[in-house]
N, C-alpha and C. Protein backbone atom coordinates (compact mmCIF):
# COMPACT_ATOMS: atom_id res chain seq x y z
N MET A 1 -43.21 -15.48 14.52
CA MET A 1 -42.72 -14.71 13.39
C MET A 1 -41.86 -13.52 13.87
N LYS A 2 -42.35 -12.86 14.96
CA LYS A 2 -41.63 -11.74 15.53
C LYS A 2 -40.26 -12.17 16.04
N GLN A 3 -40.21 -13.37 16.67
CA GLN A 3 -38.95 -13.89 17.20
C GLN A 3 -37.98 -14.19 16.06
N LEU A 4 -38.50 -14.73 14.96
CA LEU A 4 -37.66 -15.04 13.80
C LEU A 4 -37.08 -13.77 13.22
N PHE A 5 -37.90 -12.72 13.17
CA PHE A 5 -37.45 -11.44 12.64
C PHE A 5 -36.33 -10.86 13.51
N LEU A 6 -36.51 -10.92 14.83
CA LEU A 6 -35.50 -10.42 15.76
C LEU A 6 -34.20 -11.21 15.64
N PHE A 7 -34.33 -12.53 15.47
CA PHE A 7 -33.15 -13.39 15.31
C PHE A 7 -32.38 -13.01 14.05
N CYS A 8 -33.12 -12.78 12.96
CA CYS A 8 -32.48 -12.41 11.68
C CYS A 8 -31.77 -11.06 11.81
N CYS A 9 -32.39 -10.14 12.53
CA CYS A 9 -31.77 -8.82 12.75
C CYS A 9 -30.48 -8.95 13.55
N MET A 10 -30.51 -9.78 14.57
CA MET A 10 -29.33 -10.00 15.41
C MET A 10 -28.22 -10.67 14.60
N LEU A 11 -28.61 -11.64 13.77
CA LEU A 11 -27.63 -12.35 12.94
C LEU A 11 -26.99 -11.40 11.94
N LEU A 12 -27.82 -10.52 11.35
CA LEU A 12 -27.30 -9.55 10.38
C LEU A 12 -26.34 -8.58 11.06
N GLN A 13 -26.70 -8.12 12.25
CA GLN A 13 -25.85 -7.19 13.00
C GLN A 13 -24.52 -7.85 13.35
N TYR A 14 -24.57 -9.12 13.74
CA TYR A 14 -23.35 -9.85 14.08
C TYR A 14 -22.45 -9.99 12.86
N THR A 15 -23.07 -10.32 11.71
CA THR A 15 -22.32 -10.49 10.47
C THR A 15 -21.64 -9.20 10.05
N MET A 16 -22.38 -8.08 10.21
CA MET A 16 -21.84 -6.78 9.82
C MET A 16 -20.66 -6.38 10.71
N ASN A 17 -20.73 -6.78 11.98
CA ASN A 17 -19.68 -6.40 12.93
C ASN A 17 -18.56 -7.44 13.03
N ALA A 18 -18.76 -8.61 12.41
CA ALA A 18 -17.80 -9.70 12.53
C ALA A 18 -16.45 -9.30 11.95
N GLN A 19 -15.40 -9.66 12.65
CA GLN A 19 -14.05 -9.37 12.20
C GLN A 19 -13.27 -10.68 12.14
N THR A 20 -12.41 -10.77 11.14
CA THR A 20 -11.63 -11.98 10.93
C THR A 20 -10.16 -11.67 11.15
N TYR A 21 -9.45 -12.62 11.75
CA TYR A 21 -8.05 -12.42 12.10
C TYR A 21 -7.17 -13.50 11.47
N TYR A 22 -5.99 -13.08 10.97
CA TYR A 22 -5.07 -14.01 10.33
C TYR A 22 -3.66 -13.84 10.89
N ASP A 23 -2.93 -14.93 10.93
CA ASP A 23 -1.53 -14.84 11.38
C ASP A 23 -0.65 -14.52 10.17
N VAL A 24 0.66 -14.54 10.34
CA VAL A 24 1.58 -14.17 9.27
C VAL A 24 1.53 -15.11 8.08
N ASP A 25 1.01 -16.33 8.30
CA ASP A 25 0.91 -17.31 7.21
C ASP A 25 -0.48 -17.34 6.58
N ASN A 26 -1.29 -16.31 6.88
CA ASN A 26 -2.66 -16.20 6.36
C ASN A 26 -3.59 -17.29 6.85
N THR A 27 -3.29 -17.85 8.02
CA THR A 27 -4.17 -18.83 8.64
C THR A 27 -5.12 -18.11 9.58
N GLU A 28 -6.41 -18.38 9.46
CA GLU A 28 -7.39 -17.71 10.32
C GLU A 28 -7.22 -18.16 11.77
N ILE A 29 -7.20 -17.19 12.67
CA ILE A 29 -7.05 -17.48 14.10
C ILE A 29 -8.08 -16.67 14.89
N SER A 30 -8.21 -16.96 16.16
CA SER A 30 -9.17 -16.24 17.01
C SER A 30 -8.61 -14.87 17.37
N GLN A 31 -9.51 -13.99 17.81
CA GLN A 31 -9.09 -12.66 18.22
C GLN A 31 -8.12 -12.72 19.40
N SER A 32 -8.38 -13.61 20.34
CA SER A 32 -7.51 -13.71 21.51
C SER A 32 -6.11 -14.20 21.12
N ALA A 33 -6.06 -15.17 20.20
CA ALA A 33 -4.77 -15.66 19.73
C ALA A 33 -4.03 -14.57 18.98
N PHE A 34 -4.78 -13.77 18.23
CA PHE A 34 -4.21 -12.65 17.47
C PHE A 34 -3.58 -11.64 18.43
N GLN A 35 -4.32 -11.27 19.46
CA GLN A 35 -3.83 -10.29 20.42
C GLN A 35 -2.60 -10.80 21.18
N LYS A 36 -2.59 -12.10 21.45
CA LYS A 36 -1.45 -12.69 22.16
C LYS A 36 -0.20 -12.64 21.29
N LEU A 37 -0.35 -12.99 20.00
CA LEU A 37 0.79 -12.96 19.08
C LEU A 37 1.28 -11.54 18.86
N LEU A 38 0.36 -10.59 18.91
CA LEU A 38 0.70 -9.20 18.66
C LEU A 38 1.62 -8.63 19.74
N LEU A 39 1.64 -9.30 20.90
CA LEU A 39 2.52 -8.86 21.98
C LEU A 39 3.99 -9.12 21.66
N GLU A 40 4.23 -10.00 20.68
CA GLU A 40 5.60 -10.28 20.26
C GLU A 40 6.15 -9.04 19.56
N THR A 41 7.34 -8.63 19.90
CA THR A 41 7.89 -7.38 19.40
C THR A 41 8.17 -7.37 17.89
N ASN A 42 8.30 -8.52 17.27
CA ASN A 42 8.63 -8.55 15.85
C ASN A 42 7.40 -8.58 14.95
N LEU A 43 6.21 -8.43 15.54
CA LEU A 43 4.98 -8.47 14.75
C LEU A 43 4.20 -7.17 14.88
N TYR A 44 3.46 -6.83 13.81
CA TYR A 44 2.54 -5.70 13.86
C TYR A 44 1.31 -6.07 13.06
N SER A 45 0.23 -5.32 13.22
CA SER A 45 -1.01 -5.68 12.53
C SER A 45 -1.38 -4.67 11.46
N VAL A 46 -2.06 -5.15 10.41
CA VAL A 46 -2.59 -4.31 9.35
C VAL A 46 -4.06 -4.66 9.18
N LYS A 47 -4.82 -3.73 8.60
CA LYS A 47 -6.26 -3.92 8.52
C LYS A 47 -6.79 -3.69 7.12
N ASN A 48 -7.75 -4.52 6.72
CA ASN A 48 -8.50 -4.30 5.49
C ASN A 48 -9.87 -3.81 5.92
N ASP A 49 -10.14 -2.51 5.73
CA ASP A 49 -11.37 -1.90 6.24
C ASP A 49 -12.63 -2.49 5.63
N SER A 50 -12.64 -2.68 4.31
CA SER A 50 -13.85 -3.15 3.64
C SER A 50 -14.20 -4.58 4.01
N LEU A 51 -13.18 -5.43 4.20
CA LEU A 51 -13.43 -6.83 4.53
C LEU A 51 -13.46 -7.08 6.04
N LYS A 52 -13.08 -6.03 6.81
CA LYS A 52 -13.03 -6.14 8.28
C LYS A 52 -12.14 -7.30 8.72
N THR A 53 -10.97 -7.36 8.11
CA THR A 53 -10.00 -8.40 8.45
C THR A 53 -8.72 -7.76 8.97
N TYR A 54 -8.08 -8.47 9.88
CA TYR A 54 -6.81 -8.04 10.45
C TYR A 54 -5.77 -9.12 10.19
N LYS A 55 -4.54 -8.69 9.88
CA LYS A 55 -3.49 -9.65 9.59
C LYS A 55 -2.21 -9.26 10.30
N LEU A 56 -1.49 -10.27 10.78
CA LEU A 56 -0.20 -10.03 11.42
C LEU A 56 0.90 -10.01 10.37
N MET A 57 1.82 -9.09 10.52
CA MET A 57 2.95 -8.97 9.60
C MET A 57 4.25 -9.03 10.41
N ASN A 58 5.28 -9.58 9.79
CA ASN A 58 6.60 -9.62 10.41
C ASN A 58 7.35 -8.35 10.07
N ARG A 59 7.85 -7.66 11.08
CA ARG A 59 8.54 -6.39 10.85
C ARG A 59 9.77 -6.55 9.96
N ASN A 60 10.33 -7.73 9.92
CA ASN A 60 11.52 -7.97 9.10
C ASN A 60 11.18 -8.42 7.68
N GLN A 61 9.90 -8.55 7.38
CA GLN A 61 9.47 -8.96 6.04
C GLN A 61 8.39 -8.01 5.56
N ARG A 62 8.81 -6.80 5.19
CA ARG A 62 7.86 -5.75 4.83
C ARG A 62 7.84 -5.47 3.34
N GLY A 63 8.10 -6.50 2.57
CA GLY A 63 8.07 -6.33 1.12
C GLY A 63 7.99 -7.66 0.43
N GLU A 64 7.77 -7.61 -0.88
CA GLU A 64 7.72 -8.86 -1.65
C GLU A 64 8.07 -8.60 -3.11
N PHE A 65 8.57 -9.63 -3.76
CA PHE A 65 8.82 -9.60 -5.19
C PHE A 65 7.85 -10.58 -5.84
N GLY A 66 7.36 -10.22 -7.02
CA GLY A 66 6.41 -11.10 -7.68
C GLY A 66 6.33 -10.83 -9.17
N SER A 67 5.39 -11.51 -9.81
CA SER A 67 5.20 -11.36 -11.25
C SER A 67 3.77 -10.94 -11.55
N LEU A 68 3.62 -9.99 -12.46
CA LEU A 68 2.30 -9.51 -12.85
C LEU A 68 1.71 -10.32 -14.00
N GLY A 69 2.56 -10.83 -14.83
CA GLY A 69 2.08 -11.57 -15.99
C GLY A 69 1.87 -10.66 -17.19
N ASP A 70 1.19 -9.54 -17.00
CA ASP A 70 0.90 -8.64 -18.12
C ASP A 70 0.94 -7.19 -17.65
N SER A 71 2.13 -6.62 -17.54
CA SER A 71 2.25 -5.24 -17.09
C SER A 71 1.83 -4.26 -18.17
N GLU A 72 1.90 -4.67 -19.42
CA GLU A 72 1.47 -3.80 -20.53
C GLU A 72 0.03 -3.38 -20.34
N ASN A 73 -0.79 -4.32 -19.90
CA ASN A 73 -2.20 -4.03 -19.70
C ASN A 73 -2.40 -3.04 -18.55
N LEU A 74 -1.57 -3.16 -17.51
CA LEU A 74 -1.65 -2.25 -16.37
C LEU A 74 -1.27 -0.84 -16.81
N PHE A 75 -0.20 -0.71 -17.59
CA PHE A 75 0.21 0.60 -18.09
C PHE A 75 -0.91 1.21 -18.94
N LYS A 76 -1.49 0.39 -19.78
CA LYS A 76 -2.57 0.86 -20.65
C LYS A 76 -3.75 1.36 -19.83
N GLU A 77 -4.11 0.59 -18.79
CA GLU A 77 -5.25 0.95 -17.95
C GLU A 77 -4.99 2.25 -17.18
N LEU A 78 -3.78 2.39 -16.65
CA LEU A 78 -3.43 3.61 -15.92
C LEU A 78 -3.43 4.82 -16.86
N ASN A 79 -2.88 4.64 -18.05
CA ASN A 79 -2.85 5.74 -19.01
C ASN A 79 -4.25 6.18 -19.42
N GLU A 80 -5.13 5.21 -19.62
CA GLU A 80 -6.49 5.53 -20.06
C GLU A 80 -7.31 6.16 -18.93
N LYS A 81 -7.25 5.57 -17.74
CA LYS A 81 -8.09 6.03 -16.65
C LYS A 81 -7.59 7.31 -15.99
N LEU A 82 -6.28 7.56 -16.06
CA LEU A 82 -5.72 8.75 -15.42
C LEU A 82 -5.23 9.79 -16.42
N ASN A 83 -5.47 9.52 -17.70
CA ASN A 83 -5.07 10.43 -18.77
C ASN A 83 -3.56 10.73 -18.70
N LEU A 84 -2.77 9.65 -18.68
CA LEU A 84 -1.33 9.77 -18.58
C LEU A 84 -0.65 9.25 -19.85
N LYS A 85 0.66 9.40 -19.89
CA LYS A 85 1.44 8.86 -21.00
C LYS A 85 2.66 8.13 -20.44
N LEU A 86 2.39 7.16 -19.58
CA LEU A 86 3.47 6.38 -18.99
C LEU A 86 4.13 5.53 -20.07
N ASP A 87 5.46 5.50 -20.04
CA ASP A 87 6.24 4.73 -21.00
C ASP A 87 6.49 3.33 -20.44
N SER A 88 5.85 2.32 -21.04
CA SER A 88 5.94 0.96 -20.51
C SER A 88 7.32 0.34 -20.71
N SER A 89 8.21 1.01 -21.46
CA SER A 89 9.57 0.48 -21.62
C SER A 89 10.45 0.88 -20.45
N LYS A 90 9.95 1.77 -19.60
CA LYS A 90 10.69 2.20 -18.42
C LYS A 90 10.05 1.62 -17.16
N PRO A 91 10.84 1.43 -16.11
CA PRO A 91 10.24 0.99 -14.83
C PRO A 91 9.27 2.05 -14.32
N LEU A 92 8.28 1.60 -13.59
CA LEU A 92 7.29 2.51 -12.98
C LEU A 92 7.36 2.38 -11.47
N ILE A 93 7.55 3.51 -10.79
CA ILE A 93 7.50 3.52 -9.33
C ILE A 93 6.21 4.21 -8.91
N ILE A 94 5.40 3.51 -8.13
CA ILE A 94 4.17 4.08 -7.60
C ILE A 94 4.32 4.26 -6.10
N TYR A 95 4.17 5.51 -5.65
CA TYR A 95 4.15 5.80 -4.22
C TYR A 95 2.67 5.85 -3.81
N TYR A 96 2.31 4.99 -2.88
CA TYR A 96 0.90 4.80 -2.55
C TYR A 96 0.56 5.33 -1.16
N TYR A 97 -0.46 6.17 -1.10
CA TYR A 97 -0.94 6.74 0.16
C TYR A 97 -2.28 6.08 0.51
N PRO A 98 -2.35 5.34 1.62
CA PRO A 98 -3.54 4.56 1.94
C PRO A 98 -4.66 5.33 2.63
N GLY A 99 -4.36 6.58 3.03
CA GLY A 99 -5.31 7.35 3.82
C GLY A 99 -4.66 7.77 5.13
N LYS A 100 -5.28 8.70 5.80
CA LYS A 100 -4.71 9.27 7.02
C LYS A 100 -4.59 8.23 8.13
N ASP A 101 -3.45 8.23 8.80
CA ASP A 101 -3.24 7.36 9.96
C ASP A 101 -2.25 8.05 10.90
N PRO A 102 -2.07 7.55 12.12
CA PRO A 102 -1.18 8.21 13.09
C PRO A 102 0.24 8.42 12.59
N CYS A 103 0.69 7.53 11.71
CA CYS A 103 2.06 7.60 11.22
C CYS A 103 2.27 8.76 10.26
N ASN A 104 1.28 9.06 9.41
CA ASN A 104 1.49 10.09 8.40
C ASN A 104 0.77 11.41 8.70
N SER A 105 0.24 11.56 9.92
CA SER A 105 -0.52 12.77 10.21
C SER A 105 -0.03 13.55 11.43
N SER A 106 1.13 13.19 11.97
CA SER A 106 1.64 13.92 13.14
C SER A 106 2.59 15.03 12.70
N GLY A 107 2.48 16.19 13.34
CA GLY A 107 3.36 17.32 13.04
C GLY A 107 3.29 17.79 11.61
N VAL A 108 2.10 17.86 11.04
CA VAL A 108 1.92 18.18 9.62
C VAL A 108 2.57 19.50 9.21
N GLY A 109 2.38 20.56 10.01
CA GLY A 109 2.91 21.87 9.65
C GLY A 109 4.40 21.87 9.41
N ALA A 110 5.14 21.29 10.32
CA ALA A 110 6.61 21.27 10.21
C ALA A 110 7.09 20.22 9.23
N LYS A 111 6.26 19.21 8.99
CA LYS A 111 6.72 18.09 8.18
C LYS A 111 6.69 18.36 6.68
N ARG A 112 5.91 19.34 6.23
CA ARG A 112 5.76 19.54 4.78
C ARG A 112 7.10 19.84 4.11
N LYS A 113 7.86 20.80 4.66
CA LYS A 113 9.16 21.14 4.07
C LYS A 113 10.12 19.96 4.15
N GLU A 114 10.07 19.27 5.27
CA GLU A 114 10.94 18.10 5.43
C GLU A 114 10.58 17.01 4.42
N GLN A 115 9.27 16.81 4.20
CA GLN A 115 8.82 15.80 3.26
C GLN A 115 9.24 16.15 1.83
N LEU A 116 9.11 17.42 1.46
CA LEU A 116 9.51 17.84 0.12
C LEU A 116 11.01 17.66 -0.10
N LYS A 117 11.78 17.97 0.95
CA LYS A 117 13.23 17.78 0.87
C LYS A 117 13.55 16.30 0.71
N TRP A 118 12.84 15.45 1.47
CA TRP A 118 13.04 14.01 1.40
C TRP A 118 12.65 13.48 0.03
N ASP A 119 11.54 13.96 -0.51
CA ASP A 119 11.08 13.54 -1.84
C ASP A 119 12.13 13.88 -2.91
N LYS A 120 12.71 15.07 -2.79
CA LYS A 120 13.72 15.52 -3.76
C LYS A 120 14.95 14.63 -3.70
N GLU A 121 15.35 14.28 -2.48
CA GLU A 121 16.50 13.40 -2.30
C GLU A 121 16.21 12.02 -2.87
N LEU A 122 15.00 11.52 -2.63
CA LEU A 122 14.61 10.21 -3.15
C LEU A 122 14.65 10.22 -4.67
N ASP A 123 14.08 11.25 -5.30
CA ASP A 123 14.09 11.35 -6.77
C ASP A 123 15.51 11.37 -7.32
N ARG A 124 16.39 12.09 -6.63
CA ARG A 124 17.79 12.20 -7.05
C ARG A 124 18.48 10.84 -6.98
N GLU A 125 18.26 10.10 -5.90
CA GLU A 125 18.89 8.79 -5.75
C GLU A 125 18.33 7.78 -6.75
N VAL A 126 17.04 7.86 -7.03
CA VAL A 126 16.41 6.95 -8.00
C VAL A 126 16.99 7.19 -9.39
N LYS A 127 17.17 8.46 -9.76
CA LYS A 127 17.70 8.79 -11.09
C LYS A 127 19.12 8.29 -11.29
N LYS A 128 19.85 8.09 -10.19
CA LYS A 128 21.21 7.54 -10.28
C LYS A 128 21.16 6.08 -10.73
N VAL A 129 20.03 5.43 -10.47
CA VAL A 129 19.87 4.01 -10.80
C VAL A 129 19.28 3.82 -12.19
N ALA A 130 18.20 4.56 -12.49
CA ALA A 130 17.53 4.37 -13.77
C ALA A 130 16.57 5.51 -14.07
N ASP A 131 16.23 5.63 -15.34
CA ASP A 131 15.22 6.58 -15.79
C ASP A 131 13.87 5.90 -15.61
N VAL A 132 13.02 6.45 -14.77
CA VAL A 132 11.77 5.77 -14.42
C VAL A 132 10.55 6.68 -14.58
N ASN A 133 9.39 6.03 -14.66
CA ASN A 133 8.11 6.73 -14.52
C ASN A 133 7.83 6.82 -13.03
N VAL A 134 7.26 7.94 -12.59
CA VAL A 134 6.87 8.09 -11.19
C VAL A 134 5.39 8.47 -11.13
N LEU A 135 4.66 7.77 -10.27
CA LEU A 135 3.23 8.02 -10.11
C LEU A 135 2.88 8.01 -8.63
N ARG A 136 2.16 9.04 -8.20
CA ARG A 136 1.71 9.11 -6.81
C ARG A 136 0.21 8.87 -6.77
N ILE A 137 -0.17 7.80 -6.07
CA ILE A 137 -1.56 7.35 -6.03
C ILE A 137 -2.08 7.39 -4.59
N TYR A 138 -3.31 7.85 -4.41
CA TYR A 138 -3.90 7.82 -3.08
C TYR A 138 -5.23 7.08 -3.09
N LYS A 139 -5.55 6.49 -1.95
CA LYS A 139 -6.86 5.89 -1.75
C LYS A 139 -7.82 6.96 -1.24
N ASN A 140 -7.35 7.74 -0.27
CA ASN A 140 -8.09 8.85 0.30
C ASN A 140 -7.09 9.97 0.53
N LYS A 141 -7.33 11.14 -0.06
CA LYS A 141 -6.32 12.21 -0.03
C LYS A 141 -6.23 12.97 1.28
N GLU A 142 -7.15 12.73 2.21
CA GLU A 142 -7.10 13.45 3.49
C GLU A 142 -5.76 13.21 4.19
N GLY A 143 -5.09 14.29 4.53
CA GLY A 143 -3.83 14.18 5.26
C GLY A 143 -2.58 14.20 4.40
N ILE A 144 -2.73 14.25 3.07
CA ILE A 144 -1.54 14.31 2.21
C ILE A 144 -0.94 15.71 2.32
N ILE A 145 0.22 15.84 2.91
CA ILE A 145 0.79 17.16 3.17
C ILE A 145 1.45 17.77 1.93
N THR A 146 1.69 16.97 0.89
CA THR A 146 2.29 17.49 -0.35
C THR A 146 1.29 17.46 -1.51
N LEU A 147 0.01 17.53 -1.18
CA LEU A 147 -1.04 17.43 -2.19
C LEU A 147 -0.92 18.52 -3.25
N GLU A 148 -0.52 19.72 -2.84
CA GLU A 148 -0.40 20.84 -3.78
C GLU A 148 0.97 20.90 -4.45
N ASP A 149 1.88 20.06 -4.03
CA ASP A 149 3.25 20.10 -4.55
C ASP A 149 3.53 19.02 -5.60
N HIS A 150 2.82 17.91 -5.49
CA HIS A 150 3.01 16.80 -6.42
C HIS A 150 1.71 16.49 -7.16
N ASP A 151 1.84 15.79 -8.23
CA ASP A 151 0.67 15.40 -9.03
C ASP A 151 0.10 14.10 -8.48
N TRP A 152 -0.69 14.21 -7.42
CA TRP A 152 -1.32 13.03 -6.81
C TRP A 152 -2.56 12.64 -7.60
N ARG A 153 -2.77 11.33 -7.80
CA ARG A 153 -3.93 10.83 -8.53
C ARG A 153 -4.72 9.85 -7.68
N LYS A 154 -6.03 9.91 -7.81
CA LYS A 154 -6.91 8.97 -7.13
C LYS A 154 -6.76 7.58 -7.75
N ASP A 155 -6.65 6.57 -6.91
CA ASP A 155 -6.53 5.19 -7.37
C ASP A 155 -7.78 4.83 -8.17
N PRO A 156 -7.64 4.56 -9.48
CA PRO A 156 -8.82 4.31 -10.31
C PRO A 156 -9.49 2.97 -9.99
N ASN A 157 -10.68 3.05 -9.42
CA ASN A 157 -11.45 1.84 -9.07
C ASN A 157 -10.68 0.90 -8.15
N GLY A 158 -9.80 1.46 -7.32
CA GLY A 158 -9.03 0.63 -6.39
C GLY A 158 -8.06 -0.31 -7.08
N LEU A 159 -7.65 0.05 -8.29
CA LEU A 159 -6.78 -0.82 -9.10
C LEU A 159 -5.47 -1.16 -8.39
N ILE A 160 -4.75 -0.15 -7.93
CA ILE A 160 -3.45 -0.38 -7.30
C ILE A 160 -3.61 -1.04 -5.93
N GLU A 161 -4.62 -0.60 -5.20
CA GLU A 161 -4.89 -1.21 -3.89
C GLU A 161 -5.14 -2.71 -4.03
N ASN A 162 -6.00 -3.08 -4.96
CA ASN A 162 -6.37 -4.49 -5.13
C ASN A 162 -5.22 -5.35 -5.66
N LEU A 163 -4.35 -4.74 -6.44
CA LEU A 163 -3.22 -5.50 -6.98
C LEU A 163 -2.11 -5.72 -5.96
N PHE A 164 -1.82 -4.68 -5.17
CA PHE A 164 -0.63 -4.74 -4.32
C PHE A 164 -0.84 -4.50 -2.82
N PHE A 165 -1.84 -3.70 -2.47
CA PHE A 165 -1.96 -3.27 -1.07
C PHE A 165 -3.35 -3.59 -0.50
N ASN A 166 -3.59 -4.86 -0.23
CA ASN A 166 -4.89 -5.27 0.28
C ASN A 166 -5.15 -4.83 1.71
N TYR A 167 -4.10 -4.41 2.40
CA TYR A 167 -4.24 -3.94 3.77
C TYR A 167 -3.72 -2.51 3.89
N HIS A 168 -4.15 -1.82 4.94
CA HIS A 168 -3.68 -0.46 5.20
C HIS A 168 -2.34 -0.56 5.91
N TYR A 169 -1.28 -0.23 5.19
CA TYR A 169 0.06 -0.23 5.77
C TYR A 169 0.39 1.20 6.18
N SER A 170 0.81 1.39 7.42
CA SER A 170 1.02 2.72 7.99
C SER A 170 1.97 3.59 7.17
N CYS A 171 1.67 4.87 7.15
CA CYS A 171 2.43 5.91 6.46
C CYS A 171 2.21 5.90 4.97
N GLY A 172 2.59 4.86 4.32
CA GLY A 172 2.48 4.75 2.87
C GLY A 172 3.32 3.59 2.39
N SER A 173 3.17 3.24 1.13
CA SER A 173 3.91 2.11 0.57
C SER A 173 4.39 2.47 -0.83
N PHE A 174 5.10 1.56 -1.45
CA PHE A 174 5.53 1.78 -2.83
C PHE A 174 5.56 0.44 -3.56
N VAL A 175 5.48 0.54 -4.88
CA VAL A 175 5.65 -0.65 -5.72
C VAL A 175 6.42 -0.23 -6.96
N ILE A 176 7.37 -1.06 -7.36
CA ILE A 176 8.15 -0.82 -8.57
C ILE A 176 7.78 -1.89 -9.58
N ILE A 177 7.41 -1.48 -10.77
CA ILE A 177 6.99 -2.42 -11.82
C ILE A 177 7.95 -2.30 -12.99
N ASN A 178 8.48 -3.43 -13.42
CA ASN A 178 9.40 -3.45 -14.57
C ASN A 178 9.13 -4.71 -15.38
N LYS A 179 8.72 -4.50 -16.64
CA LYS A 179 8.32 -5.64 -17.49
C LYS A 179 7.21 -6.40 -16.77
N ASP A 180 7.42 -7.69 -16.53
CA ASP A 180 6.36 -8.46 -15.86
C ASP A 180 6.67 -8.69 -14.39
N LYS A 181 7.67 -7.99 -13.84
CA LYS A 181 8.05 -8.18 -12.44
C LYS A 181 7.65 -6.97 -11.60
N TYR A 182 7.49 -7.19 -10.31
CA TYR A 182 7.25 -6.07 -9.41
C TYR A 182 7.94 -6.31 -8.07
N ALA A 183 8.21 -5.19 -7.38
CA ALA A 183 8.77 -5.23 -6.02
C ALA A 183 7.94 -4.26 -5.20
N ALA A 184 7.34 -4.74 -4.13
CA ALA A 184 6.48 -3.89 -3.30
C ALA A 184 7.06 -3.75 -1.91
N GLY A 185 6.97 -2.54 -1.36
CA GLY A 185 7.39 -2.27 0.01
C GLY A 185 6.17 -1.86 0.82
N PHE A 186 5.92 -2.54 1.92
CA PHE A 186 4.71 -2.31 2.71
C PHE A 186 4.99 -1.44 3.93
N GLY A 187 4.32 -0.30 3.99
CA GLY A 187 4.46 0.55 5.16
C GLY A 187 5.63 1.51 5.05
N GLU A 188 5.90 2.21 6.13
CA GLU A 188 6.94 3.25 6.17
C GLU A 188 8.25 2.74 5.58
N TYR A 189 8.83 3.52 4.67
CA TYR A 189 10.03 3.09 3.96
C TYR A 189 11.02 4.24 3.82
N GLY A 190 12.26 3.90 3.49
CA GLY A 190 13.30 4.90 3.26
C GLY A 190 13.73 4.86 1.81
N TRP A 191 14.44 5.91 1.37
CA TRP A 191 14.83 5.95 -0.04
C TRP A 191 15.79 4.82 -0.40
N LYS A 192 16.56 4.35 0.59
CA LYS A 192 17.49 3.26 0.32
C LYS A 192 16.76 1.99 -0.05
N GLN A 193 15.62 1.74 0.61
CA GLN A 193 14.82 0.55 0.29
C GLN A 193 14.29 0.64 -1.14
N VAL A 194 13.87 1.83 -1.55
CA VAL A 194 13.36 2.02 -2.91
C VAL A 194 14.46 1.78 -3.94
N THR A 195 15.62 2.38 -3.73
CA THR A 195 16.70 2.25 -4.71
C THR A 195 17.24 0.82 -4.77
N GLU A 196 17.33 0.16 -3.62
CA GLU A 196 17.82 -1.23 -3.62
C GLU A 196 16.83 -2.16 -4.30
N ASN A 197 15.54 -1.93 -4.07
CA ASN A 197 14.52 -2.74 -4.75
C ASN A 197 14.53 -2.49 -6.25
N LEU A 198 14.77 -1.24 -6.63
CA LEU A 198 14.85 -0.90 -8.06
C LEU A 198 16.03 -1.61 -8.71
N LYS A 199 17.17 -1.59 -8.06
CA LYS A 199 18.35 -2.28 -8.59
C LYS A 199 18.08 -3.77 -8.73
N GLU A 200 17.43 -4.35 -7.72
CA GLU A 200 17.17 -5.78 -7.74
C GLU A 200 16.21 -6.17 -8.83
N ILE A 201 15.16 -5.38 -9.02
CA ILE A 201 14.17 -5.73 -10.04
C ILE A 201 14.73 -5.53 -11.44
N LEU A 202 15.65 -4.58 -11.59
CA LEU A 202 16.30 -4.38 -12.89
C LEU A 202 17.22 -5.56 -13.23
N SER A 203 17.77 -6.16 -12.18
CA SER A 203 18.66 -7.32 -12.39
C SER A 203 17.90 -8.57 -12.80
N LYS A 204 16.58 -8.54 -12.65
CA LYS A 204 15.75 -9.70 -12.98
C LYS A 204 15.25 -9.70 -14.42
N GLN A 205 15.71 -8.73 -15.23
CA GLN A 205 15.26 -8.66 -16.62
C GLN A 205 15.67 -9.89 -17.42
């Protein structure tokens, strides 16, 4: 009986520590195969902390276009849970902060002014394209250098994370929602990527 108990404890510990690895096509692979592929310069890895899974991503494919099916319901849920008044007739841009990581936490003191300047430039370029709703969502606010400057909101019940960002993408990500379509950018991005994605999703009406 004692041996069975010890075996069960060991099995439970193994299960808790078990990690799963996937290639760029979402095929499960071994850790050694994962590490070997990661040596290729065009690949990087992302992690899902809760599921303890790692996935390889192609550096040249850091975004996707898709369909939500019912964006009205998403707008309604965000408005109710965050006490907002988002206009569902306008595109919605969500800037998503996944939590502190090496990419978004270096040189914080000097970066705040630079980040605010960059944010202002991004807003200006976006307005040249369309009148949009803007929402800043975080999973964990630790490390947000503009927390006191912008209206950051906690992701309600992991809604945005579960819909668009199943993995921790370094620095931050964004998603643009228009009608039933969306365009998501994974990881560090520039304002040009946001504006080009906005133009493209508007063309899909």
